[in-house]
Each structure stands twice: as structure tokens, then as C-alpha cells.
C-alpha atoms as a PDB file:
ATOM      1  CA  UNK A   1      67.759  45.857  11.575  1.00  0.00           C
ATOM      2  CA  UNK A   2      70.491  44.188   9.154  1.00  0.00           C
ATOM      3  CA  UNK A   3      71.429  46.200   5.902  1.00  0.00           C
ATOM      4  CA  UNK A   4      68.903  45.249   3.010  1.00  0.00           C
ATOM      5  CA  UNK A   5      69.882  45.436  -0.776  1.00  0.00           C
ATOM      6  CA  UNK A   6      68.668  48.245  -3.120  1.00  0.00           C
ATOM      7  CA  UNK A   7      66.199  45.420  -4.817  1.00  0.00           C
ATOM      8  CA  UNK A   8      64.807  44.594  -1.477  1.00  0.00           C
ATOM      9  CA  UNK A   9      63.443  48.144  -0.994  1.00  0.00           C
ATOM     10  CA  UNK A  10      62.647  49.187  -4.857  1.00  0.00           C
ATOM     11  CA  UNK A  11      60.840  46.147  -5.693  1.00  0.00           C
ATOM     12  CA  UNK A  12      57.996  46.804  -3.088  1.00  0.00           C
ATOM     13  CA  UNK A  13      57.898  50.651  -4.170  1.00  0.00           C
ATOM     14  CA  UNK A  14      57.574  49.618  -7.861  1.00  0.00           C
ATOM     15  CA  UNK A  15      54.764  47.270  -6.876  1.00  0.00           C
ATOM     16  CA  UNK A  16      52.713  49.612  -4.277  1.00  0.00           C
ATOM     17  CA  UNK A  17      53.188  52.995  -5.883  1.00  0.00           C
ATOM     18  CA  UNK A  18      55.714  54.967  -3.962  1.00  0.00           C
ATOM     19  CA  UNK A  19      59.704  55.922  -4.152  1.00  0.00           C
ATOM     20  CA  UNK A  20      62.716  55.538  -1.512  1.00  0.00           C
ATOM     21  CA  UNK A  21      64.997  58.456  -0.992  1.00  0.00           C
ATOM     22  CA  UNK A  22      68.659  57.696  -2.030  1.00  0.00           C
ATOM     23  CA  UNK A  23      70.300  60.221   0.592  1.00  0.00           C
ATOM     24  CA  UNK A  24      73.662  61.460  -0.182  1.00  0.00           C
ATOM     25  CA  UNK A  25      75.750  61.450   2.947  1.00  0.00           C
ATOM     26  CA  UNK A  26      79.031  63.402   3.684  1.00  0.00           C
ATOM     27  CA  UNK A  27      79.494  62.221   7.370  1.00  0.00           C
ATOM     28  CA  UNK A  28      78.260  61.013  10.501  1.00  0.00           C
ATOM     29  CA  UNK A  29      76.047  63.735  11.518  1.00  0.00           C
ATOM     30  CA  UNK A  30      73.999  63.654   8.269  1.00  0.00           C
ATOM     31  CA  UNK A  31      73.912  59.908   7.922  1.00  0.00           C
ATOM     32  CA  UNK A  32      72.658  59.529  11.531  1.00  0.00           C
ATOM     33  CA  UNK A  33      70.018  62.265  11.027  1.00  0.00           C
ATOM     34  CA  UNK A  34      68.895  60.709   7.910  1.00  0.00           C
ATOM     35  CA  UNK A  35      68.241  57.452   9.748  1.00  0.00           C
ATOM     36  CA  UNK A  36      66.334  59.166  12.472  1.00  0.00           C
ATOM     37  CA  UNK A  37      64.240  60.657   9.872  1.00  0.00           C
ATOM     38  CA  UNK A  38      63.477  57.530   8.242  1.00  0.00           C
ATOM     39  CA  UNK A  39      62.579  55.572  11.692  1.00  0.00           C
ATOM     40  CA  UNK A  40      60.214  58.870  12.339  1.00  0.00           C
ATOM     41  CA  UNK A  41      58.579  58.330   9.073  1.00  0.00           C
ATOM     42  CA  UNK A  42      58.311  54.534   9.283  1.00  0.00           C
ATOM     43  CA  UNK A  43      60.195  54.030   5.974  1.00  0.00           C
ATOM     44  CA  UNK A  44      63.108  52.767   4.416  1.00  0.00           C
ATOM     45  CA  UNK A  45      66.196  54.875   3.336  1.00  0.00           C
ATOM     46  CA  UNK A  46      69.229  54.388   1.179  1.00  0.00           C
ATOM     47  CA  UNK A  47      72.295  56.109   2.575  1.00  0.00           C
ATOM     48  CA  UNK A  48      74.640  57.112  -0.389  1.00  0.00           C
ATOM     49  CA  UNK A  49      78.377  57.491  -0.258  1.00  0.00           C
ATOM     50  CA  UNK A  50      79.240  59.521  -3.511  1.00  0.00           C
ATOM     51  CA  UNK A  51      82.685  60.582  -4.716  1.00  0.00           C
ATOM     52  CA  UNK A  52      82.980  63.590  -2.199  1.00  0.00           C
ATOM     53  CA  UNK A  53      82.152  61.539   0.779  1.00  0.00           C
ATOM     54  CA  UNK A  54      84.584  58.781  -0.203  1.00  0.00           C
ATOM     55  CA  UNK A  55      87.170  61.429  -0.926  1.00  0.00           C
ATOM     56  CA  UNK A  56      86.925  62.504   2.996  1.00  0.00           C
ATOM     57  CA  UNK A  57      86.317  59.091   4.487  1.00  0.00           C
ATOM     58  CA  UNK A  58      87.496  55.754   3.067  1.00  0.00           C
ATOM     59  CA  UNK A  59      85.177  53.514   2.053  1.00  0.00           C
ATOM     60  CA  UNK A  60      85.954  50.474   4.501  1.00  0.00           C
ATOM     61  CA  UNK A  61      85.245  52.992   7.417  1.00  0.00           C
ATOM     62  CA  UNK A  62      81.812  54.062   5.451  1.00  0.00           C
ATOM     63  CA  UNK A  63      80.928  50.579   5.272  1.00  0.00           C
ATOM     64  CA  UNK A  64      81.131  50.104   8.954  1.00  0.00           C
ATOM     65  CA  UNK A  65      79.238  53.309   9.852  1.00  0.00           C
ATOM     66  CA  UNK A  66      76.318  52.415   7.409  1.00  0.00           C
ATOM     67  CA  UNK A  67      76.203  48.708   9.089  1.00  0.00           C
ATOM     68  CA  UNK A  68      76.278  50.284  12.584  1.00  0.00           C
ATOM     69  CA  UNK A  69      73.522  52.442  11.915  1.00  0.00           C
ATOM     70  CA  UNK A  70      71.499  50.005   9.984  1.00  0.00           C
ATOM     71  CA  UNK A  71      71.754  47.264  12.757  1.00  0.00           C
ATOM     72  CA  UNK A  72      70.042  49.986  15.406  1.00  0.00           C
ATOM     73  CA  UNK A  73      67.375  50.998  12.938  1.00  0.00           C
ATOM     74  CA  UNK A  74      63.702  49.927  13.203  1.00  0.00           C
ATOM     75  CA  UNK A  75      63.736  50.436   9.093  1.00  0.00           C
ATOM     76  CA  UNK A  76      65.397  49.032   6.331  1.00  0.00           C
ATOM     77  CA  UNK A  77      68.521  50.673   5.419  1.00  0.00           C
ATOM     78  CA  UNK A  78      70.545  50.438   2.027  1.00  0.00           C
ATOM     79  CA  UNK A  79      74.415  51.056   1.923  1.00  0.00           C
ATOM     80  CA  UNK A  80      74.880  52.353  -1.467  1.00  0.00           C
ATOM     81  CA  UNK A  81      77.877  53.070  -3.442  1.00  0.00           C
ATOM     82  CA  UNK A  82      77.009  56.287  -5.563  1.00  0.00           C
ATOM     83  CA  UNK A  83      78.843  56.943  -8.766  1.00  0.00           C
ATOM     84  CA  UNK A  84      81.582  54.331  -8.691  1.00  0.00           C
ATOM     85  CA  UNK A  85      83.601  54.781 -11.767  1.00  0.00           C
ATOM     86  CA  UNK A  86      85.813  51.753 -11.726  1.00  0.00           C
ATOM     87  CA  UNK A  87      85.750  47.984 -11.140  1.00  0.00           C
ATOM     88  CA  UNK A  88      88.146  48.235  -8.561  1.00  0.00           C
ATOM     89  CA  UNK A  89      86.193  50.830  -6.557  1.00  0.00           C
ATOM     90  CA  UNK A  90      82.809  48.863  -6.773  1.00  0.00           C
ATOM     91  CA  UNK A  91      84.985  45.781  -5.650  1.00  0.00           C
ATOM     92  CA  UNK A  92      86.022  47.940  -2.816  1.00  0.00           C
ATOM     93  CA  UNK A  93      82.553  48.750  -1.712  1.00  0.00           C
ATOM     94  CA  UNK A  94      81.393  45.282  -1.917  1.00  0.00           C
ATOM     95  CA  UNK A  95      84.294  44.275   0.392  1.00  0.00           C
ATOM     96  CA  UNK A  96      83.430  46.859   2.588  1.00  0.00           C
ATOM     97  CA  UNK A  97      79.875  45.695   3.288  1.00  0.00           C
ATOM     98  CA  UNK A  98      77.934  47.796   0.912  1.00  0.00           C
ATOM     99  CA  UNK A  99      74.731  46.264  -0.185  1.00  0.00           C
ATOM    100  CA  UNK A 100      74.388  48.210  -3.502  1.00  0.00           C
ATOM    101  CA  UNK A 101      76.721  49.330  -6.136  1.00  0.00           C
ATOM    102  CA  UNK A 102      76.018  52.132  -8.690  1.00  0.00           C
ATOM    103  CA  UNK A 103      78.335  51.860 -11.393  1.00  0.00           C
ATOM    104  CA  UNK A 104      78.342  55.000 -13.704  1.00  0.00           C
ATOM    105  CA  UNK A 105      79.512  54.486 -17.137  1.00  0.00           C
ATOM    106  CA  UNK A 106      77.386  57.202 -18.673  1.00  0.00           C
ATOM    107  CA  UNK A 107      80.086  59.218 -20.125  1.00  0.00           C
ATOM    108  CA  UNK A 108      81.121  56.021 -22.092  1.00  0.00           C
ATOM    109  CA  UNK A 109      80.102  54.850 -25.631  1.00  0.00           C
ATOM    110  CA  UNK A 110      76.943  52.755 -25.269  1.00  0.00           C
ATOM    111  CA  UNK A 111      78.518  49.402 -25.940  1.00  0.00           C
ATOM    112  CA  UNK A 112      81.402  50.091 -23.355  1.00  0.00           C
ATOM    113  CA  UNK A 113      78.869  51.270 -20.797  1.00  0.00           C
ATOM    114  CA  UNK A 114      76.682  48.340 -21.119  1.00  0.00           C
ATOM    115  CA  UNK A 115      79.783  45.960 -20.965  1.00  0.00           C
ATOM    116  CA  UNK A 116      81.309  47.610 -18.016  1.00  0.00           C
ATOM    117  CA  UNK A 117      77.897  47.758 -16.166  1.00  0.00           C
ATOM    118  CA  UNK A 118      77.122  44.133 -17.036  1.00  0.00           C
ATOM    119  CA  UNK A 119      80.516  42.969 -15.167  1.00  0.00           C
ATOM    120  CA  UNK A 120      79.625  45.048 -12.158  1.00  0.00           C
ATOM    121  CA  UNK A 121      76.099  43.635 -11.899  1.00  0.00           C
ATOM    122  CA  UNK A 122      77.174  40.205 -12.392  1.00  0.00           C
ATOM    123  CA  UNK A 123      79.734  40.860  -9.477  1.00  0.00           C
ATOM    124  CA  UNK A 124      77.115  42.286  -7.221  1.00  0.00           C
ATOM    125  CA  UNK A 125      74.588  39.540  -7.998  1.00  0.00           C
ATOM    126  CA  UNK A 126      77.161  36.716  -7.395  1.00  0.00           C
ATOM    127  CA  UNK A 127      77.566  38.323  -3.980  1.00  0.00           C
ATOM    128  CA  UNK A 128      73.752  38.680  -3.278  1.00  0.00           C
ATOM    129  CA  UNK A 129      73.687  42.414  -3.376  1.00  0.00           C
ATOM    130  CA  UNK A 130      72.057  44.775  -5.833  1.00  0.00           C
ATOM    131  CA  UNK A 131      73.586  47.197  -8.876  1.00  0.00           C
ATOM    132  CA  UNK A 132      72.280  50.339 -10.536  1.00  0.00           C
ATOM    133  CA  UNK A 133      73.536  51.555 -13.759  1.00  0.00           C
ATOM    134  CA  UNK A 134      72.924  54.907 -15.700  1.00  0.00           C
ATOM    135  CA  UNK A 135      71.908  55.552 -19.380  1.00  0.00           C
ATOM    136  CA  UNK A 136      72.072  58.905 -20.602  1.00  0.00           C
ATOM    137  CA  UNK A 137      74.169  61.495 -19.039  1.00  0.00           C
ATOM    138  CA  UNK A 138      72.743  63.656 -15.915  1.00  0.00           C
ATOM    139  CA  UNK A 139      74.856  66.749 -16.042  1.00  0.00           C
ATOM    140  CA  UNK A 140      75.658  69.087 -13.369  1.00  0.00           C
ATOM    141  CA  UNK A 141      74.432  72.794 -12.516  1.00  0.00           C
ATOM    142  CA  UNK A 142      76.783  75.255 -13.885  1.00  0.00           C
ATOM    143  CA  UNK A 143      79.052  72.656 -15.375  1.00  0.00           C
ATOM    144  CA  UNK A 144      78.815  69.529 -17.693  1.00  0.00           C
ATOM    145  CA  UNK A 145      75.680  69.451 -19.669  1.00  0.00           C
ATOM    146  CA  UNK A 146      73.168  66.644 -19.687  1.00  0.00           C
ATOM    147  CA  UNK A 147      72.575  63.970 -22.546  1.00  0.00           C
ATOM    148  CA  UNK A 148      69.123  62.861 -22.314  1.00  0.00           C
ATOM    149  CA  UNK A 149      68.283  59.300 -22.318  1.00  0.00           C
ATOM    150  CA  UNK A 150      67.138  57.499 -25.438  1.00  0.00           C
ATOM    151  CA  UNK A 151      64.126  54.922 -24.759  1.00  0.00           C
ATOM    152  CA  UNK A 152      65.321  52.410 -27.193  1.00  0.00           C
ATOM    153  CA  UNK A 153      69.035  52.626 -25.797  1.00  0.00           C
ATOM    154  CA  UNK A 154      67.553  52.396 -22.082  1.00  0.00           C
ATOM    155  CA  UNK A 155      65.753  49.279 -23.100  1.00  0.00           C
ATOM    156  CA  UNK A 156      68.797  47.713 -24.721  1.00  0.00           C
ATOM    157  CA  UNK A 157      70.784  48.760 -21.645  1.00  0.00           C
ATOM    158  CA  UNK A 158      68.549  47.300 -19.062  1.00  0.00           C
ATOM    159  CA  UNK A 159      68.156  43.673 -20.979  1.00  0.00           C
ATOM    160  CA  UNK A 160      71.842  43.452 -21.348  1.00  0.00           C
ATOM    161  CA  UNK A 161      73.156  44.722 -18.240  1.00  0.00           C
ATOM    162  CA  UNK A 162      70.695  43.105 -15.666  1.00  0.00           C
ATOM    163  CA  UNK A 163      70.675  45.968 -13.488  1.00  0.00           C
ATOM    164  CA  UNK A 164      68.376  46.222 -10.601  1.00  0.00           C
ATOM    165  CA  UNK A 165      67.775  50.007 -11.092  1.00  0.00           C
ATOM    166  CA  UNK A 166      68.386  52.282 -14.023  1.00  0.00           C
ATOM    167  CA  UNK A 167      69.471  56.034 -13.743  1.00  0.00           C
ATOM    168  CA  UNK A 168      68.091  58.158 -16.478  1.00  0.00           C
ATOM    169  CA  UNK A 169      68.544  61.683 -17.812  1.00  0.00           C
ATOM    170  CA  UNK A 170      65.196  63.277 -18.214  1.00  0.00           C
ATOM    171  CA  UNK A 171      65.724  67.000 -17.436  1.00  0.00           C
ATOM    172  CA  UNK A 172      67.239  66.454 -14.042  1.00  0.00           C
ATOM    173  CA  UNK A 173      70.575  67.984 -12.926  1.00  0.00           C
ATOM    174  CA  UNK A 174      73.128  67.361 -10.322  1.00  0.00           C
ATOM    175  CA  UNK A 175      73.607  70.241  -7.700  1.00  0.00           C
ATOM    176  CA  UNK A 176      70.590  72.359  -8.553  1.00  0.00           C
ATOM    177  CA  UNK A 177      69.770  74.680  -5.678  1.00  0.00           C
ATOM    178  CA  UNK A 178      66.346  75.455  -6.860  1.00  0.00           C
ATOM    179  CA  UNK A 179      62.984  73.563  -7.948  1.00  0.00           C
ATOM    180  CA  UNK A 180      62.461  75.898 -10.794  1.00  0.00           C
ATOM    181  CA  UNK A 181      62.982  72.981 -13.370  1.00  0.00           C
ATOM    182  CA  UNK A 182      60.963  69.994 -13.901  1.00  0.00           C
ATOM    183  CA  UNK A 183      61.243  66.447 -15.486  1.00  0.00           C
ATOM    184  CA  UNK A 184      60.370  65.400 -19.006  1.00  0.00           C
ATOM    185  CA  UNK A 185      57.632  63.076 -18.409  1.00  0.00           C
ATOM    186  CA  UNK A 186      56.660  62.139 -21.788  1.00  0.00           C
ATOM    187  CA  UNK A 187      60.291  60.775 -22.101  1.00  0.00           C
ATOM    188  CA  UNK A 188      60.011  58.815 -18.935  1.00  0.00           C
ATOM    189  CA  UNK A 189      56.795  57.391 -20.193  1.00  0.00           C
ATOM    190  CA  UNK A 190      58.501  56.322 -23.385  1.00  0.00           C
ATOM    191  CA  UNK A 191      61.112  54.698 -21.421  1.00  0.00           C
ATOM    192  CA  UNK A 192      58.658  52.689 -19.139  1.00  0.00           C
ATOM    193  CA  UNK A 193      56.677  51.408 -22.069  1.00  0.00           C
ATOM    194  CA  UNK A 194      59.959  49.622 -23.163  1.00  0.00           C
ATOM    195  CA  UNK A 195      61.216  48.235 -19.573  1.00  0.00           C
ATOM    196  CA  UNK A 196      60.115  47.394 -16.194  1.00  0.00           C
ATOM    197  CA  UNK A 197      63.225  48.098 -14.413  1.00  0.00           C
ATOM    198  CA  UNK A 198      62.770  50.577 -11.565  1.00  0.00           C
ATOM    199  CA  UNK A 199      64.040  54.052 -12.329  1.00  0.00           C
ATOM    200  CA  UNK A 200      66.252  56.497 -10.425  1.00  0.00           C
ATOM    201  CA  UNK A 201      66.365  60.181 -10.803  1.00  0.00           C
ATOM    202  CA  UNK A 202      69.865  61.645  -9.913  1.00  0.00           C
ATOM    203  CA  UNK A 203      69.454  65.324  -8.840  1.00  0.00           C
ATOM    204  CA  UNK A 204      66.198  65.036  -7.468  1.00  0.00           C
ATOM    205  CA  UNK A 205      66.817  68.213  -5.340  1.00  0.00           C
ATOM    206  CA  UNK A 206      66.013  70.268  -8.431  1.00  0.00           C
ATOM    207  CA  UNK A 207      62.557  68.635  -9.065  1.00  0.00           C
ATOM    208  CA  UNK A 208      59.396  70.191  -8.054  1.00  0.00           C
ATOM    209  CA  UNK A 209      58.059  68.538  -4.643  1.00  0.00           C
ATOM    210  CA  UNK A 210      54.739  68.144  -6.186  1.00  0.00           C
ATOM    211  CA  UNK A 211      56.318  66.351  -9.378  1.00  0.00           C
ATOM    212  CA  UNK A 212      58.498  64.085  -6.968  1.00  0.00           C
ATOM    213  CA  UNK A 213      55.140  62.845  -5.417  1.00  0.00           C
ATOM    214  CA  UNK A 214      53.313  62.363  -8.387  1.00  0.00           C
ATOM    215  CA  UNK A 215      55.981  60.347 -10.175  1.00  0.00           C
ATOM    216  CA  UNK A 216      56.509  58.399  -7.158  1.00  0.00           C
ATOM    217  CA  UNK A 217      52.928  57.120  -7.178  1.00  0.00           C
ATOM    218  CA  UNK A 218      52.256  56.881 -10.904  1.00  0.00           C
ATOM    219  CA  UNK A 219      55.587  56.006 -12.559  1.00  0.00           C
ATOM    220  CA  UNK A 220      58.452  53.460 -12.283  1.00  0.00           C
ATOM    221  CA  UNK A 221      60.587  56.080 -10.605  1.00  0.00           C
ATOM    222  CA  UNK A 222      61.129  54.468  -7.482  1.00  0.00           C
ATOM    223  CA  UNK A 223      64.283  56.126  -6.390  1.00  0.00           C
ATOM    224  CA  UNK A 224      64.936  59.875  -6.192  1.00  0.00           C
ATOM    225  CA  UNK A 225      68.536  60.760  -5.200  1.00  0.00           C
ATOM    226  CA  UNK A 226      68.465  63.863  -2.716  1.00  0.00           C
ATOM    227  CA  UNK A 227      71.815  65.578  -1.900  1.00  0.00           C
ATOM    228  CA  UNK A 228      72.002  69.311  -2.445  1.00  0.00           C
ATOM    229  CA  UNK A 229      68.805  70.060  -0.632  1.00  0.00           C
ATOM    230  CA  UNK A 230      69.824  68.486   2.883  1.00  0.00           C
ATOM    231  CA  UNK A 231      73.352  69.741   2.411  1.00  0.00           C
ATOM    232  CA  UNK A 232      71.661  73.394   2.207  1.00  0.00           C
ATOM    233  CA  UNK A 233      69.655  72.606   5.357  1.00  0.00           C
ATOM    234  CA  UNK A 234      72.720  71.249   7.369  1.00  0.00           C
ATOM    235  CA  UNK A 235      74.630  74.269   6.088  1.00  0.00           C
ATOM    236  CA  UNK A 236      71.996  76.648   7.321  1.00  0.00           C
ATOM    237  CA  UNK A 237      71.895  74.764  10.776  1.00  0.00           C
ATOM    238  CA  UNK A 238      75.644  74.733  11.337  1.00  0.00           C
ATOM    239  CA  UNK A 239      75.936  78.483  10.377  1.00  0.00           C
ATOM    240  CA  UNK A 240      72.955  79.403  12.887  1.00  0.00           C
ATOM    241  CA  UNK A 241      74.814  77.047  15.686  1.00  0.00           C
ATOM    242  CA  UNK A 242      78.384  78.923  14.996  1.00  0.00           C
ATOM    243  CA  UNK A 243      77.058  82.281  15.003  1.00  0.00           C
ATOM    244  CA  UNK A 244      74.519  81.894  17.842  1.00  0.00           C
ATOM    245  CA  UNK A 245      77.586  81.705  20.332  1.00  0.00           C
ATOM    246  CA  UNK A 246      81.123  82.991  19.201  1.00  0.00           C
ATOM    247  CA  UNK A 247      82.692  82.013  22.250  1.00  0.00           C
ATOM    248  CA  UNK A 248      81.919  78.254  21.798  1.00  0.00           C
ATOM    249  CA  UNK A 249      84.508  76.160  20.219  1.00  0.00           C
ATOM    250  CA  UNK A 250      83.926  72.494  21.059  1.00  0.00           C
ATOM    251  CA  UNK A 251      82.794  71.171  17.473  1.00  0.00           C
ATOM    252  CA  UNK A 252      80.849  68.115  19.151  1.00  0.00           C
ATOM    253  CA  UNK A 253      78.516  70.731  20.744  1.00  0.00           C
ATOM    254  CA  UNK A 254      78.194  72.767  17.555  1.00  0.00           C
ATOM    255  CA  UNK A 255      77.444  69.655  15.299  1.00  0.00           C
ATOM    256  CA  UNK A 256      75.047  68.343  17.909  1.00  0.00           C
ATOM    257  CA  UNK A 257      72.863  71.534  17.142  1.00  0.00           C
ATOM    258  CA  UNK A 258      72.500  70.552  13.452  1.00  0.00           C
ATOM    259  CA  UNK A 259      70.964  67.150  14.288  1.00  0.00           C
ATOM    260  CA  UNK A 260      67.084  68.302  15.026  1.00  0.00           C
ATOM    261  CA  UNK A 261      67.159  70.822  12.091  1.00  0.00           C
ATOM    262  CA  UNK A 262      68.455  68.229   9.652  1.00  0.00           C
ATOM    263  CA  UNK A 263      65.762  65.463  11.049  1.00  0.00           C
ATOM    264  CA  UNK A 264      62.868  67.767  10.480  1.00  0.00           C
ATOM    265  CA  UNK A 265      64.338  68.658   6.615  1.00  0.00           C
ATOM    266  CA  UNK A 266      64.645  64.986   5.975  1.00  0.00           C
ATOM    267  CA  UNK A 267      61.257  64.063   7.136  1.00  0.00           C
ATOM    268  CA  UNK A 268      59.815  66.606   4.717  1.00  0.00           C
ATOM    269  CA  UNK A 269      61.760  65.030   1.885  1.00  0.00           C
ATOM    270  CA  UNK A 270      60.779  61.548   3.009  1.00  0.00           C
ATOM    271  CA  UNK A 271      57.171  62.160   3.405  1.00  0.00           C
ATOM    272  CA  UNK A 272      56.787  63.455  -0.271  1.00  0.00           C
ATOM    273  CA  UNK A 273      57.693  60.145  -1.559  1.00  0.00           C
ATOM    274  CA  UNK A 274      55.486  57.948   0.485  1.00  0.00           C
ATOM    275  CA  UNK A 275      52.329  56.177  -0.942  1.00  0.00           C
ATOM    276  CA  UNK A 276      48.852  57.723  -0.447  1.00  0.00           C
ATOM    277  CA  UNK A 277      46.870  56.062   2.587  1.00  0.00           C
END
């Protein structure tokens, strides 16, 4: 089916009590496996091109890859720009066929973040696609520290930007390789009390699976970004494929052996977000 927008998949999730996975892609092998996993589970999926992905593959190429996968898929697929930092970068993604733009102005003063995000949202909506913004700052494991989202600022941000989804900082951290942390649920509830915009958790790999499932079904958190967890699964499968036959050198043969393990790992991630039957 054709690519759909972020709003197309998040509004039903918000209404019916489940979440959609924003899966961070790095190349053809993982994005293909993610779509196969979504088809196997019968759920929508958001393919995300973050800064690392874009440094490796140009946005116009990524747009064509996402579109090709979506057109052959039996489930809704969103082509999402993750952590776009400039207007020009967001414009290029829009022109490349993306159906969702995430503008990250979270390091900027509140008023500037609101103004710039609103500009991106206006551009996206004029083109019939979606926009995600971030309020508060989600830090990085071993790197920049987080700045938690203030509920009052979140309410102002949502109202003044017109975003379709709002990423918040509530104890989540990018690039976390374990699940020993947890999210600040009272802060999530305080934000929910002031806005009805779908909420997004970046750094979802570090969130305990039970908490992911509970929030997907009982809160306005409708999108969890998952990257590190699946990169680790891919890396393990690739390492096994290389080490299992030291004489093999054809990378297509080697990479083919990562597909099934990555599909299996991804299906487990997706299943945790689905609504109770």
C-alpha cells in the first residue's frame, strides 16, 4: 500500500489503546526486515531515517527505498525523518517523499523551539504530511544529560506549534543498551492532563518491556522509538554469519543471514505495543 502519514497511524493508536514502533533504520537490510516483521504481526510500522542513516545514504535515496517497501507492503508504512535539525533538511525530506518530519529544536530556548517547530509543522501540513516536535531534551547514554519536560511548557509547545506528535523527556535516554531504567510516569500523567497530542518516547530501547506495554495501552504515549535494541540484534546476527564460515566473502550472502534473526527480534518488539485482544 502507499506510504501513510504519522497522524494516520498515531490517531487510531491513541483512540484504541496501543502504540506504533518508530524503528531506526541504517540500511536496506534492516528496513526490509522491519517491514517483514510488521507484516507478520499485522501492524503498522514507522521507518525512521536518523542522522546516522542520513550520513550514510542521501535522503532522496532513502525516500525511494521507503516508498518501494511501502508499495509492496500489506500494512501501513510511514517514512519518517528522525531528528531533523534544520528547515532545509526537513524540506529535502519532504521533497524526497517522506510522509513525516521530526524537527528537533530541543536544545534551543523554548520560544525559538516553538517558532521553528511551528514553521516546520506549517510546511508539512501544507504538503499533507505530519510533523513531530520535541520539548525537553532526551540525553544520550554516556553523553549529554537529559533535561526533563516541564508539563506547562509541553502544553504551550503543543498548542503553539500544531504538531501531530510530541516527543518528551521523562527518564528516557538515547543509546541505552540495557533496560534497567524506567520512565517517570507521574510526569507523563501531568503532561497528559494538559494536552491531547500523541506522545513519543525516544530511546525506547532502554525502557523495560512491561512498562512499554502498559503505557501503550493506558497512556497517550503512542510511539516508541526503538534503535539500539535492534541494532544489537543485527550486530549479533552479522557476527554469527561472518564467524560461521571464515572462507565466505560475498557480502550479499553474509547479510542475507541477518534477515530471519532480525525479523524475529523485531516481531518481539512490535508485539509488546499491540492492544489487548
